[in-house]
Amino acid sequence: MNHLIIYAHPDPKSFNHAILDALVDALNAQGHQVRVRDLYAIQFNPFLTDEDEAACIKNQPPDDIRAEHQHVAWADMIIFIGPLWWGGLPAAAKGYMDRVFSNGFAYTGDESGVKGLLSGKKLFTIMTGDAPASVYEDTGLFEGINKIFDAIFADFCGLKVAGHKYFMGISTSSDQDRKAMLDEVKKIAAQLG
């Protein structure tokens, strides 16, 4: 299976990066093909312009978007990894969604509605946060993020949602807690295969 990981965290020493490494290692050990798009490392431009949008609709996207379209087209499973900042995705990840999952590539629409063009592909998200999980549950943030990915993003693009995993309380977690979380990432990799 071809796994495309969209990774959005600026610190290569972060726990998010440890999650990325654990997932890549586990998927590779299972014989899967893995590509990582580290949005900060590749300095992906997150700003959608009118010109970008018009070019994508004409199936003439700029080179940077065209390159990402090729990665998405290659993938069977698309995995987003990143932190929850201010109740949402990092700007780099949101900008990637805005620019890459474009009209004419990921979906099309007219007066009769929207049609996803990426059917047959699956979506999984792994997100981290510093507050305890109860804060995200009590405020409805988990439900809101799931709706963004499921009812909006995945439905628009024709993706099948394979699931979500949240690792919370990162800043106060112990080394033992983090090891358990990374062990869980390895279990997730086995399920994603």
Foldseek 3Di string as FASTA:
>chain_A
DEEEEEEEDQDCPDLLVVLVVLLVVLLVVVVYHYDYCHCNVVVDDLDDDPVQQVCVQVVRHPPVLVVVLVSLLPAQEYEYTEEQDPLHGPSSVNSCLDRNCGDNRQWHDDPVGIDADSANHAYEYEYEEQADVVVCVVVVSVVVHCCCVPVPSCRRRNHHYPYYHYHYNVVPDDPVSSVVVSVVSSVVSVVVD
